[in-house]
C-alpha atoms as a PDB file:
ATOM      1  CA  MET A   1     -36.213  72.603  59.517  1.00  0.00           C
ATOM      2  CA  GLU A   2     -37.683  73.390  56.109  1.00  0.00           C
ATOM      3  CA  GLU A   3     -38.584  76.911  57.270  1.00  0.00           C
ATOM      4  CA  GLY A   4     -34.972  77.440  58.400  1.00  0.00           C
ATOM      5  CA  LEU A   5     -33.683  76.394  54.968  1.00  0.00           C
ATOM      6  CA  LEU A   6     -36.075  78.809  53.272  1.00  0.00           C
ATOM      7  CA  LYS A   7     -34.846  81.670  55.493  1.00  0.00           C
ATOM      8  CA  LEU A   8     -31.229  80.740  54.809  1.00  0.00           C
ATOM      9  CA  ASN A   9     -31.911  80.603  51.079  1.00  0.00           C
ATOM     10  CA  THR A  10     -33.568  84.029  51.248  1.00  0.00           C
ATOM     11  CA  HIS A  11     -30.610  85.474  53.154  1.00  0.00           C
ATOM     12  CA  ILE A  12     -28.178  84.049  50.609  1.00  0.00           C
ATOM     13  CA  LYS A  13     -30.156  85.596  47.746  1.00  0.00           C
ATOM     14  CA  ILE A  14     -30.207  88.978  49.497  1.00  0.00           C
ATOM     15  CA  TYR A  15     -26.462  88.767  50.186  1.00  0.00           C
ATOM     16  CA  MET A  16     -25.713  87.893  46.540  1.00  0.00           C
ATOM     17  CA  SER A  17     -27.899  90.764  45.370  1.00  0.00           C
ATOM     18  CA  ILE A  18     -26.032  93.191  47.623  1.00  0.00           C
ATOM     19  CA  MET A  19     -22.660  91.893  46.398  1.00  0.00           C
ATOM     20  CA  ASN A  20     -23.710  92.273  42.751  1.00  0.00           C
ATOM     21  CA  THR A  21     -24.921  95.804  43.445  1.00  0.00           C
ATOM     22  CA  MET A  22     -21.599  96.640  45.091  1.00  0.00           C
ATOM     23  CA  LYS A  23     -19.723  95.360  42.044  1.00  0.00           C
ATOM     24  CA  ASP A  24     -21.915  97.516  39.810  1.00  0.00           C
ATOM     25  CA  ILE A  25     -21.267 100.530  42.027  1.00  0.00           C
ATOM     26  CA  ASP A  26     -17.520  99.863  41.888  1.00  0.00           C
ATOM     27  CA  LYS A  27     -17.715  99.794  38.080  1.00  0.00           C
ATOM     28  CA  LEU A  28     -19.687 103.050  38.047  1.00  0.00           C
ATOM     29  CA  LEU A  29     -17.241 104.757  40.396  1.00  0.00           C
ATOM     30  CA  SER A  30     -14.306 103.550  38.341  1.00  0.00           C
ATOM     31  CA  GLU A  31     -15.913 104.861  35.157  1.00  0.00           C
ATOM     32  CA  ALA A  32     -16.617 108.188  36.889  1.00  0.00           C
ATOM     33  CA  GLU A  33     -12.903 108.501  37.641  1.00  0.00           C
ATOM     34  CA  THR A  34     -11.486 107.392  34.322  1.00  0.00           C
ATOM     35  CA  GLY A  35     -14.259 108.006  31.822  1.00  0.00           C
ATOM     36  CA  LYS A  36     -15.980 105.382  29.741  1.00  0.00           C
ATOM     37  CA  ILE A  37     -13.716 102.501  28.834  1.00  0.00           C
ATOM     38  CA  SER A  38     -14.261 100.905  25.466  1.00  0.00           C
ATOM     39  CA  LYS A  39     -15.516  97.328  25.629  1.00  0.00           C
ATOM     40  CA  ILE A  40     -13.340  96.616  22.611  1.00  0.00           C
ATOM     41  CA  LEU A  41     -10.218  96.811  24.729  1.00  0.00           C
ATOM     42  CA  ASP A  42     -11.501  93.967  26.904  1.00  0.00           C
ATOM     43  CA  ARG A  43     -11.658  91.715  23.855  1.00  0.00           C
ATOM     44  CA  ILE A  44      -8.152  92.342  22.541  1.00  0.00           C
ATOM     45  CA  THR A  45      -5.983  89.382  23.531  1.00  0.00           C
ATOM     46  CA  GLU A  46      -2.267  89.544  24.306  1.00  0.00           C
ATOM     47  CA  ASP A  47      -1.562  87.985  20.881  1.00  0.00           C
ATOM     48  CA  ALA A  48      -3.587  90.659  19.097  1.00  0.00           C
ATOM     49  CA  LYS A  49      -2.337  93.575  21.187  1.00  0.00           C
ATOM     50  CA  PRO A  50       0.659  94.479  18.931  1.00  0.00           C
ATOM     51  CA  PHE A  51      -1.615  94.573  15.877  1.00  0.00           C
ATOM     52  CA  TRP A  52      -4.279  96.588  17.710  1.00  0.00           C
ATOM     53  CA  LEU A  53      -1.800  99.083  19.151  1.00  0.00           C
ATOM     54  CA  GLY A  54      -0.306  99.490  15.674  1.00  0.00           C
ATOM     55  CA  CYS A  55      -3.751 100.246  14.295  1.00  0.00           C
ATOM     56  CA  GLU A  56      -4.357 102.840  17.018  1.00  0.00           C
ATOM     57  CA  GLU A  57      -0.963 104.467  16.398  1.00  0.00           C
ATOM     58  CA  ARG A  58      -1.671 104.779  12.694  1.00  0.00           C
ATOM     59  CA  VAL A  59      -5.122 106.247  13.318  1.00  0.00           C
ATOM     60  CA  LEU A  60      -3.637 108.790  15.730  1.00  0.00           C
ATOM     61  CA  ALA A  61      -0.985 109.643  13.128  1.00  0.00           C
ATOM     62  CA  GLY A  62      -3.757 110.542  10.695  1.00  0.00           C
ATOM     63  CA  ARG A  63      -3.589 107.445   8.524  1.00  0.00           C
ATOM     64  CA  GLU A  64      -6.968 106.114   7.517  1.00  0.00           C
ATOM     65  CA  LEU A  65      -7.604 102.442   8.233  1.00  0.00           C
ATOM     66  CA  LYS A  66     -10.571 100.541   6.875  1.00  0.00           C
ATOM     67  CA  PRO A  67     -12.654  99.348   9.847  1.00  0.00           C
ATOM     68  CA  TYR A  68     -14.109  96.407   7.922  1.00  0.00           C
ATOM     69  CA  VAL A  69     -10.588  95.177   7.119  1.00  0.00           C
ATOM     70  CA  VAL A  70      -9.424  95.587  10.728  1.00  0.00           C
ATOM     71  CA  SER A  71     -12.529  93.696  11.868  1.00  0.00           C
ATOM     72  CA  ARG A  72     -11.874  90.909   9.355  1.00  0.00           C
ATOM     73  CA  LEU A  73      -8.190  90.619  10.261  1.00  0.00           C
ATOM     74  CA  LEU A  74      -8.983  90.419  13.973  1.00  0.00           C
ATOM     75  CA  ARG A  75     -11.474  87.641  13.272  1.00  0.00           C
ATOM     76  CA  GLU A  76      -9.336  85.676  10.809  1.00  0.00           C
ATOM     77  CA  HIS A  77      -5.955  85.913  12.539  1.00  0.00           C
ATOM     78  CA  PHE A  78      -6.830  86.216  16.213  1.00  0.00           C
ATOM     79  CA  GLY A  79     -10.353  84.771  16.529  1.00  0.00           C
ATOM     80  CA  ILE A  80     -11.671  88.078  17.886  1.00  0.00           C
ATOM     81  CA  LYS A  81     -15.130  89.163  16.783  1.00  0.00           C
ATOM     82  CA  ILE A  82     -15.515  92.936  16.819  1.00  0.00           C
ATOM     83  CA  SER A  83     -17.947  94.530  14.416  1.00  0.00           C
ATOM     84  CA  GLU A  84     -16.897  96.982  11.750  1.00  0.00           C
ATOM     85  CA  SER A  85     -19.029  99.707  13.348  1.00  0.00           C
ATOM     86  CA  ALA A  86     -17.444  99.109  16.767  1.00  0.00           C
ATOM     87  CA  VAL A  87     -13.970  99.455  15.240  1.00  0.00           C
ATOM     88  CA  ARG A  88     -15.027 102.613  13.377  1.00  0.00           C
ATOM     89  CA  ASN A  89     -16.526 104.167  16.521  1.00  0.00           C
ATOM     90  CA  HIS A  90     -13.441 103.294  18.555  1.00  0.00           C
ATOM     91  CA  PHE A  91     -11.134 104.922  16.012  1.00  0.00           C
ATOM     92  CA  LEU A  92     -13.334 108.033  15.803  1.00  0.00           C
ATOM     93  CA  ASN A  93     -13.398 108.343  19.593  1.00  0.00           C
ATOM     94  CA  LEU A  94      -9.654 107.797  19.759  1.00  0.00           C
ATOM     95  CA  VAL A  95      -9.033 110.730  17.419  1.00  0.00           C
ATOM     96  CA  LYS A  96     -11.606 112.902  19.172  1.00  0.00           C
ATOM     97  CA  ASP A  97     -10.097 112.196  22.600  1.00  0.00           C
ATOM     98  CA  ALA A  98      -6.599 112.981  21.311  1.00  0.00           C
ATOM     99  CA  GLU A  99      -7.621 116.490  20.179  1.00  0.00           C
END
């Protein structure tokens, strides 16, 4: 009986490992199709989306935003923690991708 439980446990672990690998492969394939997706976008809530989209529009229009202020405003008003450097890199990539 105990041996059967050990085998079952082993099979479950193998199955879970395969499922996790498949999820990772799906993510990789998705990224291969669409390009790298910024992790920042996953953190922006529905409440913060209008502010964030406004920031992106201004950056694309050539207006310079201060990343440390954007980071602070996201934290203070929406409870979203995104570092100043992450905001700066996102804005730089946004402009670069638009060219």
